[in-house]
Amino acid sequence: AARPQGTACDIGAFESTVPLTDLVALNDSPTTLGQATTFTASGNAVLYQWAFGDGLAGSGSVATHTYGAAGNYTAYVTATNGISSLVGSTPVTITNLQPVANAGPDQIVDAGSTVILTGSASYDPDGHLPLAYLWKQTGGVAVVLSSNSISLPTFSAPSSVGVLTFTLTVTDSHGLASALDQTVVTVRDATIVGLQAINSSPTLLTYQTHFNATVSAGTNITYTWNFGDGSPLGSGANAAHTYPAIGLYTATVTATNTAYNLSAITLVTIVPYRTFLPITQKNF
């Protein structure tokens, strides 16, 4: 007489006196890593034992299993009914798509400014979060990132113009790394703002007039002076010049860097040189 099977078989199933003749094993993969794969076995068996191909086992005509790593596996099911057994297999595919690093758009920034690298558009198509970030500078004058392991690190652009390159790699929560993505930061001179020119006149003829130029903003600036009397040009934020004749002159200073140029004027007055004779007293 048939007897009920214990907890290792389907509820309500009984041993059979008929030998097993067929067994079908299936699963619903491909499955994303971290999600459960469902296995089904069909036939006239009363007991199904599964070996999932990763060292772990299960039982039942319907079983679920979550694999710990992406890859291809072969799951085996052994079906028994008390007088015979059959073994079936089913191939399993567990996928983990590579995350995608996005280092953000190329940028043009002013020398000395604060720059933000934007890796926040990086993503994982499987949703294996959080992502781990790794930034590396691969070219240009070395800078110090606020952090190389966050999505939005910052740094101070160098004072010199040039091109900086950075790469970003992201890794998903299962340890799979992305391909590198690169961003380019071009550092330009800051725009010249607030140019002013002054001089030390009125100046006596044959004496030097001193000039000074200042700006409120700008980097790597060169200054060129046109003294307004046809003489050769002067240079530097501070300059001096001796005018050949009395009169009024308009001196112009031009401030230039690789991004911009700006001019300002200052009026110069040259006055006659006075000779003072000593007073001679005559006594009568």
C-alpha atoms as a PDB file:
ATOM      1  CA  ALA A   1       0.000   0.000   0.000  1.00  0.00           C
ATOM      2  CA  ALA A   2       1.170   3.513  -0.770  1.00  0.00           C
ATOM      3  CA  ARG A   3       2.178   5.678   2.181  1.00  0.00           C
ATOM      4  CA  PRO A   4       2.479   9.447   2.556  1.00  0.00           C
ATOM      5  CA  GLN A   5       5.916  10.982   2.070  1.00  0.00           C
ATOM      6  CA  GLY A   6       7.394  13.241   4.716  1.00  0.00           C
ATOM      7  CA  THR A   7       8.436  16.834   4.476  1.00  0.00           C
ATOM      8  CA  ALA A   8      10.922  16.025   1.703  1.00  0.00           C
ATOM      9  CA  CYS A   9       8.143  15.499  -0.862  1.00  0.00           C
ATOM     10  CA  ASP A  10       5.196  17.429  -2.176  1.00  0.00           C
ATOM     11  CA  ILE A  11       2.268  17.552   0.213  1.00  0.00           C
ATOM     12  CA  GLY A  12      -0.320  14.943  -0.664  1.00  0.00           C
ATOM     13  CA  ALA A  13       2.052  12.950  -2.866  1.00  0.00           C
ATOM     14  CA  PHE A  14       2.481   9.230  -2.357  1.00  0.00           C
ATOM     15  CA  GLU A  15       5.031   6.680  -3.409  1.00  0.00           C
ATOM     16  CA  SER A  16       4.243   5.102  -6.710  1.00  0.00           C
ATOM     17  CA  THR A  17       4.614   1.511  -7.898  1.00  0.00           C
ATOM     18  CA  VAL A  18       5.111   2.765 -11.471  1.00  0.00           C
ATOM     19  CA  PRO A  19       8.745   3.401 -12.537  1.00  0.00           C
ATOM     20  CA  LEU A  20       9.619   6.956 -13.605  1.00  0.00           C
ATOM     21  CA  THR A  21       9.572   7.410 -17.345  1.00  0.00           C
ATOM     22  CA  ASP A  22      10.135  11.113 -17.928  1.00  0.00           C
ATOM     23  CA  LEU A  23      11.465  14.214 -16.164  1.00  0.00           C
ATOM     24  CA  VAL A  24      11.479  17.823 -17.356  1.00  0.00           C
ATOM     25  CA  ALA A  25      13.574  20.453 -15.548  1.00  0.00           C
ATOM     26  CA  LEU A  26      13.241  24.154 -16.351  1.00  0.00           C
ATOM     27  CA  ASN A  27      14.171  27.545 -14.930  1.00  0.00           C
ATOM     28  CA  ASP A  28      13.289  31.150 -15.690  1.00  0.00           C
ATOM     29  CA  SER A  29      16.814  32.495 -16.237  1.00  0.00           C
ATOM     30  CA  PRO A  30      18.562  34.592 -17.474  1.00  0.00           C
ATOM     31  CA  THR A  31      18.287  36.202 -14.069  1.00  0.00           C
ATOM     32  CA  THR A  32      19.865  39.416 -12.861  1.00  0.00           C
ATOM     33  CA  LEU A  33      22.440  38.843 -10.144  1.00  0.00           C
ATOM     34  CA  GLY A  34      20.826  39.313  -6.748  1.00  0.00           C
ATOM     35  CA  GLN A  35      17.390  38.152  -7.878  1.00  0.00           C
ATOM     36  CA  ALA A  36      15.924  34.681  -7.348  1.00  0.00           C
ATOM     37  CA  THR A  37      15.786  32.080 -10.104  1.00  0.00           C
ATOM     38  CA  THR A  38      12.736  29.793 -10.109  1.00  0.00           C
ATOM     39  CA  PHE A  39      13.148  26.106 -10.973  1.00  0.00           C
ATOM     40  CA  THR A  40      10.381  23.680 -11.926  1.00  0.00           C
ATOM     41  CA  ALA A  41      10.463  19.917 -12.363  1.00  0.00           C
ATOM     42  CA  SER A  42       7.623  17.853 -13.823  1.00  0.00           C
ATOM     43  CA  GLY A  43       7.041  14.115 -14.084  1.00  0.00           C
ATOM     44  CA  ASN A  44       5.403  11.354 -12.092  1.00  0.00           C
ATOM     45  CA  ALA A  45       7.891  11.563  -9.218  1.00  0.00           C
ATOM     46  CA  VAL A  46       7.028  12.262  -5.609  1.00  0.00           C
ATOM     47  CA  LEU A  47      10.360  13.689  -4.486  1.00  0.00           C
ATOM     48  CA  TYR A  48      12.615  16.240  -6.187  1.00  0.00           C
ATOM     49  CA  GLN A  49      16.071  17.153  -4.936  1.00  0.00           C
ATOM     50  CA  TRP A  50      17.974  20.030  -6.578  1.00  0.00           C
ATOM     51  CA  ALA A  51      21.706  20.747  -6.842  1.00  0.00           C
ATOM     52  CA  PHE A  52      21.915  24.298  -8.161  1.00  0.00           C
ATOM     53  CA  GLY A  53      25.470  24.064  -9.452  1.00  0.00           C
ATOM     54  CA  ASP A  54      27.055  26.446  -6.959  1.00  0.00           C
ATOM     55  CA  GLY A  55      27.389  24.022  -4.062  1.00  0.00           C
ATOM     56  CA  LEU A  56      23.909  24.669  -2.659  1.00  0.00           C
ATOM     57  CA  ALA A  57      20.809  22.472  -2.791  1.00  0.00           C
ATOM     58  CA  GLY A  58      17.050  22.627  -2.546  1.00  0.00           C
ATOM     59  CA  SER A  59      13.955  20.462  -2.883  1.00  0.00           C
ATOM     60  CA  GLY A  60      10.474  20.482  -4.322  1.00  0.00           C
ATOM     61  CA  SER A  61       8.898  20.388  -7.754  1.00  0.00           C
ATOM     62  CA  VAL A  62       9.111  24.185  -7.607  1.00  0.00           C
ATOM     63  CA  ALA A  63      12.197  25.708  -5.995  1.00  0.00           C
ATOM     64  CA  THR A  64      13.876  29.106  -5.926  1.00  0.00           C
ATOM     65  CA  HIS A  65      17.520  29.979  -5.527  1.00  0.00           C
ATOM     66  CA  THR A  66      19.575  33.184  -5.509  1.00  0.00           C
ATOM     67  CA  TYR A  67      23.106  32.863  -6.886  1.00  0.00           C
ATOM     68  CA  GLY A  68      25.964  34.783  -5.344  1.00  0.00           C
ATOM     69  CA  ALA A  69      27.868  35.506  -8.558  1.00  0.00           C
ATOM     70  CA  ALA A  70      27.169  36.088 -12.213  1.00  0.00           C
ATOM     71  CA  GLY A  71      27.953  33.256 -14.595  1.00  0.00           C
ATOM     72  CA  ASN A  72      26.653  30.123 -16.251  1.00  0.00           C
ATOM     73  CA  TYR A  73      25.594  27.180 -14.108  1.00  0.00           C
ATOM     74  CA  THR A  74      24.018  23.773 -14.597  1.00  0.00           C
ATOM     75  CA  ALA A  75      21.344  22.806 -12.087  1.00  0.00           C
ATOM     76  CA  TYR A  76      20.505  19.124 -11.566  1.00  0.00           C
ATOM     77  CA  VAL A  77      17.301  17.659 -10.201  1.00  0.00           C
ATOM     78  CA  THR A  78      16.945  14.080  -8.970  1.00  0.00           C
ATOM     79  CA  ALA A  79      13.395  12.747  -9.102  1.00  0.00           C
ATOM     80  CA  THR A  80      12.404   9.639  -7.142  1.00  0.00           C
ATOM     81  CA  ASN A  81       9.148   7.826  -6.517  1.00  0.00           C
ATOM     82  CA  GLY A  82      10.226   5.045  -4.172  1.00  0.00           C
ATOM     83  CA  ILE A  83      11.080   2.397  -6.767  1.00  0.00           C
ATOM     84  CA  SER A  84      13.091   4.384  -9.361  1.00  0.00           C
ATOM     85  CA  SER A  85      14.806   7.696  -9.931  1.00  0.00           C
ATOM     86  CA  LEU A  86      15.728   9.992 -12.815  1.00  0.00           C
ATOM     87  CA  VAL A  87      18.210  12.885 -13.049  1.00  0.00           C
ATOM     88  CA  GLY A  88      17.528  15.951 -15.186  1.00  0.00           C
ATOM     89  CA  SER A  89      19.460  19.148 -15.768  1.00  0.00           C
ATOM     90  CA  THR A  90      18.778  22.705 -16.805  1.00  0.00           C
ATOM     91  CA  PRO A  91      21.287  25.442 -17.764  1.00  0.00           C
ATOM     92  CA  VAL A  92      21.190  28.660 -15.730  1.00  0.00           C
ATOM     93  CA  THR A  93      22.461  32.095 -16.724  1.00  0.00           C
ATOM     94  CA  ILE A  94      23.012  34.765 -14.067  1.00  0.00           C
ATOM     95  CA  THR A  95      23.790  38.185 -15.482  1.00  0.00           C
ATOM     96  CA  ASN A  96      25.420  41.301 -14.087  1.00  0.00           C
ATOM     97  CA  LEU A  97      25.624  44.125 -16.596  1.00  0.00           C
ATOM     98  CA  GLN A  98      28.624  46.440 -16.370  1.00  0.00           C
ATOM     99  CA  PRO A  99      27.928  49.790 -14.715  1.00  0.00           C
ATOM    100  CA  VAL A 100      28.433  52.917 -16.790  1.00  0.00           C
ATOM    101  CA  ALA A 101      30.770  55.707 -15.686  1.00  0.00           C
ATOM    102  CA  ASN A 102      29.934  59.257 -16.771  1.00  0.00           C
ATOM    103  CA  ALA A 103      32.680  61.758 -15.897  1.00  0.00           C
ATOM    104  CA  GLY A 104      30.565  64.716 -17.003  1.00  0.00           C
ATOM    105  CA  PRO A 105      31.014  67.212 -19.843  1.00  0.00           C
ATOM    106  CA  ASP A 106      34.317  68.862 -20.740  1.00  0.00           C
ATOM    107  CA  GLN A 107      34.726  72.258 -19.090  1.00  0.00           C
ATOM    108  CA  ILE A 108      36.463  75.597 -19.692  1.00  0.00           C
ATOM    109  CA  VAL A 109      37.268  77.331 -16.410  1.00  0.00           C
ATOM    110  CA  ASP A 110      39.145  80.388 -15.177  1.00  0.00           C
ATOM    111  CA  ALA A 111      42.549  80.044 -13.586  1.00  0.00           C
ATOM    112  CA  GLY A 112      42.255  79.931  -9.814  1.00  0.00           C
ATOM    113  CA  SER A 113      38.537  79.138  -9.832  1.00  0.00           C
ATOM    114  CA  THR A 114      36.820  76.259  -8.013  1.00  0.00           C
ATOM    115  CA  VAL A 115      35.978  73.394 -10.364  1.00  0.00           C
ATOM    116  CA  ILE A 116      33.392  70.641  -9.798  1.00  0.00           C
ATOM    117  CA  LEU A 117      33.778  67.280 -11.540  1.00  0.00           C
ATOM    118  CA  THR A 118      30.345  65.758 -12.163  1.00  0.00           C
ATOM    119  CA  GLY A 119      30.108  61.984 -12.056  1.00  0.00           C
ATOM    120  CA  SER A 120      26.514  61.887 -10.811  1.00  0.00           C
ATOM    121  CA  ALA A 121      25.164  60.724 -14.189  1.00  0.00           C
ATOM    122  CA  SER A 122      26.925  57.370 -13.753  1.00  0.00           C
ATOM    123  CA  TYR A 123      24.529  54.447 -13.350  1.00  0.00           C
ATOM    124  CA  ASP A 124      24.136  50.687 -13.097  1.00  0.00           C
ATOM    125  CA  PRO A 125      21.613  49.119 -15.503  1.00  0.00           C
ATOM    126  CA  ASP A 126      20.838  46.335 -13.003  1.00  0.00           C
ATOM    127  CA  GLY A 127      20.277  48.737 -10.122  1.00  0.00           C
ATOM    128  CA  HIS A 128      23.164  47.300  -8.107  1.00  0.00           C
ATOM    129  CA  LEU A 129      23.682  50.320  -5.872  1.00  0.00           C
ATOM    130  CA  PRO A 130      25.406  52.104  -4.296  1.00  0.00           C
ATOM    131  CA  LEU A 131      28.126  52.774  -6.830  1.00  0.00           C
ATOM    132  CA  ALA A 132      31.712  53.254  -5.703  1.00  0.00           C
ATOM    133  CA  TYR A 133      33.565  56.103  -7.455  1.00  0.00           C
ATOM    134  CA  LEU A 134      37.243  56.354  -8.324  1.00  0.00           C
ATOM    135  CA  TRP A 135      38.642  59.548  -9.919  1.00  0.00           C
ATOM    136  CA  LYS A 136      42.190  59.827 -11.241  1.00  0.00           C
ATOM    137  CA  GLN A 137      43.995  62.789 -12.801  1.00  0.00           C
ATOM    138  CA  THR A 138      45.775  61.653 -15.957  1.00  0.00           C
ATOM    139  CA  GLY A 139      47.172  64.880 -17.411  1.00  0.00           C
ATOM    140  CA  GLY A 140      48.087  68.509 -16.790  1.00  0.00           C
ATOM    141  CA  VAL A 141      49.370  70.376 -13.754  1.00  0.00           C
ATOM    142  CA  ALA A 142      48.679  68.264 -10.659  1.00  0.00           C
ATOM    143  CA  VAL A 143      45.712  69.398  -8.557  1.00  0.00           C
ATOM    144  CA  VAL A 144      44.277  68.117  -5.267  1.00  0.00           C
ATOM    145  CA  LEU A 145      40.742  66.717  -5.382  1.00  0.00           C
ATOM    146  CA  SER A 146      38.520  67.215  -2.358  1.00  0.00           C
ATOM    147  CA  SER A 147      37.946  63.438  -2.596  1.00  0.00           C
ATOM    148  CA  ASN A 148      38.596  60.872  -5.306  1.00  0.00           C
ATOM    149  CA  SER A 149      35.787  58.576  -4.138  1.00  0.00           C
ATOM    150  CA  ILE A 150      32.645  60.741  -4.385  1.00  0.00           C
ATOM    151  CA  SER A 151      30.458  61.637  -7.356  1.00  0.00           C
ATOM    152  CA  LEU A 152      31.084  65.416  -7.191  1.00  0.00           C
ATOM    153  CA  PRO A 153      34.672  66.191  -6.138  1.00  0.00           C
ATOM    154  CA  THR A 154      36.063  69.728  -6.346  1.00  0.00           C
ATOM    155  CA  PHE A 155      39.491  71.270  -6.853  1.00  0.00           C
ATOM    156  CA  SER A 156      41.099  74.674  -7.341  1.00  0.00           C
ATOM    157  CA  ALA A 157      42.204  75.326 -10.902  1.00  0.00           C
ATOM    158  CA  PRO A 158      45.920  76.161 -11.181  1.00  0.00           C
ATOM    159  CA  SER A 159      47.015  79.740 -11.805  1.00  0.00           C
ATOM    160  CA  SER A 160      48.552  78.798 -15.149  1.00  0.00           C
ATOM    161  CA  VAL A 161      46.591  78.062 -18.300  1.00  0.00           C
ATOM    162  CA  GLY A 162      46.577  74.520 -19.646  1.00  0.00           C
ATOM    163  CA  VAL A 163      44.592  71.313 -20.078  1.00  0.00           C
ATOM    164  CA  LEU A 164      43.758  68.905 -17.250  1.00  0.00           C
ATOM    165  CA  THR A 165      42.370  65.401 -17.846  1.00  0.00           C
ATOM    166  CA  PHE A 166      40.563  63.128 -15.392  1.00  0.00           C
ATOM    167  CA  THR A 167      39.129  59.610 -15.613  1.00  0.00           C
ATOM    168  CA  LEU A 168      36.281  58.080 -13.645  1.00  0.00           C
ATOM    169  CA  THR A 169      35.605  54.415 -12.879  1.00  0.00           C
ATOM    170  CA  VAL A 170      32.514  53.245 -11.007  1.00  0.00           C
ATOM    171  CA  THR A 171      32.007  49.844  -9.379  1.00  0.00           C
ATOM    172  CA  ASP A 172      28.627  48.289  -8.600  1.00  0.00           C
ATOM    173  CA  SER A 173      27.651  46.776  -5.250  1.00  0.00           C
ATOM    174  CA  HIS A 174      28.727  43.326  -6.476  1.00  0.00           C
ATOM    175  CA  GLY A 175      32.251  44.493  -7.315  1.00  0.00           C
ATOM    176  CA  LEU A 176      31.921  44.824 -11.091  1.00  0.00           C
ATOM    177  CA  ALA A 177      33.826  47.853 -12.438  1.00  0.00           C
ATOM    178  CA  SER A 178      32.899  50.039 -15.382  1.00  0.00           C
ATOM    179  CA  ALA A 179      35.024  51.107 -18.300  1.00  0.00           C
ATOM    180  CA  LEU A 180      36.923  54.370 -17.870  1.00  0.00           C
ATOM    181  CA  ASP A 181      35.276  57.625 -18.851  1.00  0.00           C
ATOM    182  CA  GLN A 182      37.328  60.811 -19.346  1.00  0.00           C
ATOM    183  CA  THR A 183      36.605  64.485 -18.909  1.00  0.00           C
ATOM    184  CA  VAL A 184      38.813  67.403 -20.006  1.00  0.00           C
ATOM    185  CA  VAL A 185      39.123  70.674 -18.090  1.00  0.00           C
ATOM    186  CA  THR A 186      40.681  73.559 -20.023  1.00  0.00           C
ATOM    187  CA  VAL A 187      42.053  76.295 -17.763  1.00  0.00           C
ATOM    188  CA  ARG A 188      42.059  79.785 -19.260  1.00  0.00           C
ATOM    189  CA  ASP A 189      43.096  83.144 -17.861  1.00  0.00           C
ATOM    190  CA  ALA A 190      40.471  84.933 -15.826  1.00  0.00           C
ATOM    191  CA  THR A 191      38.885  87.959 -17.529  1.00  0.00           C
ATOM    192  CA  ILE A 192      40.541  91.287 -16.741  1.00  0.00           C
ATOM    193  CA  VAL A 193      38.237  93.555 -14.749  1.00  0.00           C
ATOM    194  CA  GLY A 194      38.563  97.001 -13.223  1.00  0.00           C
ATOM    195  CA  LEU A 195      41.740  98.292 -14.882  1.00  0.00           C
ATOM    196  CA  GLN A 196      42.830 101.681 -13.506  1.00  0.00           C
ATOM    197  CA  ALA A 197      45.882 103.839 -14.299  1.00  0.00           C
ATOM    198  CA  ILE A 198      47.380 106.699 -12.288  1.00  0.00           C
ATOM    199  CA  ASN A 199      50.539 108.793 -12.489  1.00  0.00           C
ATOM    200  CA  SER A 200      52.603 111.077 -10.258  1.00  0.00           C
ATOM    201  CA  SER A 201      52.260 114.315 -12.285  1.00  0.00           C
ATOM    202  CA  PRO A 202      52.351 117.270 -12.349  1.00  0.00           C
ATOM    203  CA  THR A 203      56.014 116.659 -12.989  1.00  0.00           C
ATOM    204  CA  LEU A 204      58.809 119.134 -13.576  1.00  0.00           C
ATOM    205  CA  LEU A 205      60.369 118.977 -16.995  1.00  0.00           C
ATOM    206  CA  THR A 206      63.394 116.604 -17.072  1.00  0.00           C
ATOM    207  CA  TYR A 207      62.072 114.672 -14.093  1.00  0.00           C
ATOM    208  CA  GLN A 208      60.523 111.193 -14.301  1.00  0.00           C
ATOM    209  CA  THR A 209      56.789 110.639 -14.117  1.00  0.00           C
ATOM    210  CA  HIS A 210      55.810 107.399 -12.415  1.00  0.00           C
ATOM    211  CA  PHE A 211      52.877 105.279 -13.562  1.00  0.00           C
ATOM    212  CA  ASN A 212      50.893 102.536 -11.839  1.00  0.00           C
ATOM    213  CA  ALA A 213      48.221 100.154 -13.189  1.00  0.00           C
ATOM    214  CA  THR A 214      45.889  97.995 -11.072  1.00  0.00           C
ATOM    215  CA  VAL A 215      43.058  95.518 -11.780  1.00  0.00           C
ATOM    216  CA  SER A 216      40.331  94.050  -9.599  1.00  0.00           C
ATOM    217  CA  ALA A 217      40.415  90.663 -11.366  1.00  0.00           C
ATOM    218  CA  GLY A 218      42.419  88.789 -13.965  1.00  0.00           C
ATOM    219  CA  THR A 219      45.349  86.382 -14.148  1.00  0.00           C
ATOM    220  CA  ASN A 220      48.742  86.318 -15.872  1.00  0.00           C
ATOM    221  CA  ILE A 221      48.450  89.939 -16.999  1.00  0.00           C
ATOM    222  CA  THR A 222      51.039  91.882 -18.965  1.00  0.00           C
ATOM    223  CA  TYR A 223      50.934  95.682 -19.102  1.00  0.00           C
ATOM    224  CA  THR A 224      51.980  97.871 -22.031  1.00  0.00           C
ATOM    225  CA  TRP A 225      52.263 101.688 -21.740  1.00  0.00           C
ATOM    226  CA  ASN A 226      51.897 104.215 -24.515  1.00  0.00           C
ATOM    227  CA  PHE A 227      53.107 107.447 -22.929  1.00  0.00           C
ATOM    228  CA  GLY A 228      51.462 109.636 -25.547  1.00  0.00           C
ATOM    229  CA  ASP A 229      54.587 111.420 -26.772  1.00  0.00           C
ATOM    230  CA  GLY A 230      55.702 109.062 -29.536  1.00  0.00           C
ATOM    231  CA  SER A 231      58.399 107.455 -27.420  1.00  0.00           C
ATOM    232  CA  PRO A 232      58.942 103.662 -27.237  1.00  0.00           C
ATOM    233  CA  LEU A 233      56.370 101.717 -25.286  1.00  0.00           C
ATOM    234  CA  GLY A 234      56.852 100.884 -21.637  1.00  0.00           C
ATOM    235  CA  SER A 235      55.898  97.725 -19.770  1.00  0.00           C
ATOM    236  CA  GLY A 236      54.952  96.473 -16.334  1.00  0.00           C
ATOM    237  CA  ALA A 237      52.302  97.375 -13.810  1.00  0.00           C
ATOM    238  CA  ASN A 238      54.717 100.069 -12.598  1.00  0.00           C
ATOM    239  CA  ALA A 239      56.586 102.190 -15.144  1.00  0.00           C
ATOM    240  CA  ALA A 240      58.458 105.504 -15.336  1.00  0.00           C
ATOM    241  CA  HIS A 241      58.988 107.935 -18.171  1.00  0.00           C
ATOM    242  CA  THR A 242      60.688 111.286 -18.758  1.00  0.00           C
ATOM    243  CA  TYR A 243      58.832 113.582 -21.113  1.00  0.00           C
ATOM    244  CA  PRO A 244      60.828 115.747 -23.530  1.00  0.00           C
ATOM    245  CA  ALA A 245      58.692 118.887 -23.315  1.00  0.00           C
ATOM    246  CA  ILE A 246      56.212 120.685 -21.153  1.00  0.00           C
ATOM    247  CA  GLY A 247      52.567 120.075 -21.901  1.00  0.00           C
ATOM    248  CA  LEU A 248      49.592 117.794 -21.366  1.00  0.00           C
ATOM    249  CA  TYR A 249      49.817 114.130 -22.415  1.00  0.00           C
ATOM    250  CA  THR A 250      47.448 111.175 -22.429  1.00  0.00           C
ATOM    251  CA  ALA A 251      49.130 107.958 -21.378  1.00  0.00           C
ATOM    252  CA  THR A 252      47.389 104.674 -22.164  1.00  0.00           C
ATOM    253  CA  VAL A 253      47.991 101.332 -20.474  1.00  0.00           C
ATOM    254  CA  THR A 254      46.780  98.081 -22.024  1.00  0.00           C
ATOM    255  CA  ALA A 255      46.391  95.005 -19.824  1.00  0.00           C
ATOM    256  CA  THR A 256      46.497  91.706 -21.722  1.00  0.00           C
ATOM    257  CA  ASN A 257      46.266  87.998 -21.012  1.00  0.00           C
ATOM    258  CA  THR A 258      45.391  84.970 -23.137  1.00  0.00           C
ATOM    259  CA  ALA A 259      41.658  85.549 -22.688  1.00  0.00           C
ATOM    260  CA  TYR A 260      41.177  89.317 -22.837  1.00  0.00           C
ATOM    261  CA  ASN A 261      42.648  92.800 -23.105  1.00  0.00           C
ATOM    262  CA  LEU A 262      41.549  96.076 -21.588  1.00  0.00           C
ATOM    263  CA  SER A 263      42.854  99.666 -21.793  1.00  0.00           C
ATOM    264  CA  ALA A 264      42.732 102.699 -19.499  1.00  0.00           C
ATOM    265  CA  ILE A 265      44.114 106.250 -19.730  1.00  0.00           C
ATOM    266  CA  THR A 266      45.707 108.682 -17.336  1.00  0.00           C
ATOM    267  CA  LEU A 267      46.393 112.383 -17.990  1.00  0.00           C
ATOM    268  CA  VAL A 268      49.941 113.679 -17.490  1.00  0.00           C
ATOM    269  CA  THR A 269      50.988 117.281 -16.860  1.00  0.00           C
ATOM    270  CA  ILE A 270      54.585 118.378 -17.434  1.00  0.00           C
ATOM    271  CA  VAL A 271      55.418 121.828 -16.067  1.00  0.00           C
ATOM    272  CA  PRO A 272      58.446 124.100 -16.658  1.00  0.00           C
ATOM    273  CA  TYR A 273      61.571 123.622 -14.617  1.00  0.00           C
ATOM    274  CA  ARG A 274      61.978 126.717 -12.439  1.00  0.00           C
ATOM    275  CA  THR A 275      65.375 128.168 -11.502  1.00  0.00           C
ATOM    276  CA  PHE A 276      65.345 130.232  -8.334  1.00  0.00           C
ATOM    277  CA  LEU A 277      68.210 132.755  -8.020  1.00  0.00           C
ATOM    278  CA  PRO A 278      69.468 133.644  -4.553  1.00  0.00           C
ATOM    279  CA  ILE A 279      68.480 137.034  -3.196  1.00  0.00           C
ATOM    280  CA  THR A 280      71.440 139.447  -2.979  1.00  0.00           C
ATOM    281  CA  GLN A 281      71.220 142.249  -0.491  1.00  0.00           C
ATOM    282  CA  LYS A 282      73.168 145.471  -1.038  1.00  0.00           C
ATOM    283  CA  ASN A 283      73.896 147.781   1.828  1.00  0.00           C
ATOM    284  CA  PHE A 284      74.179 151.470   1.077  1.00  0.00           C
END
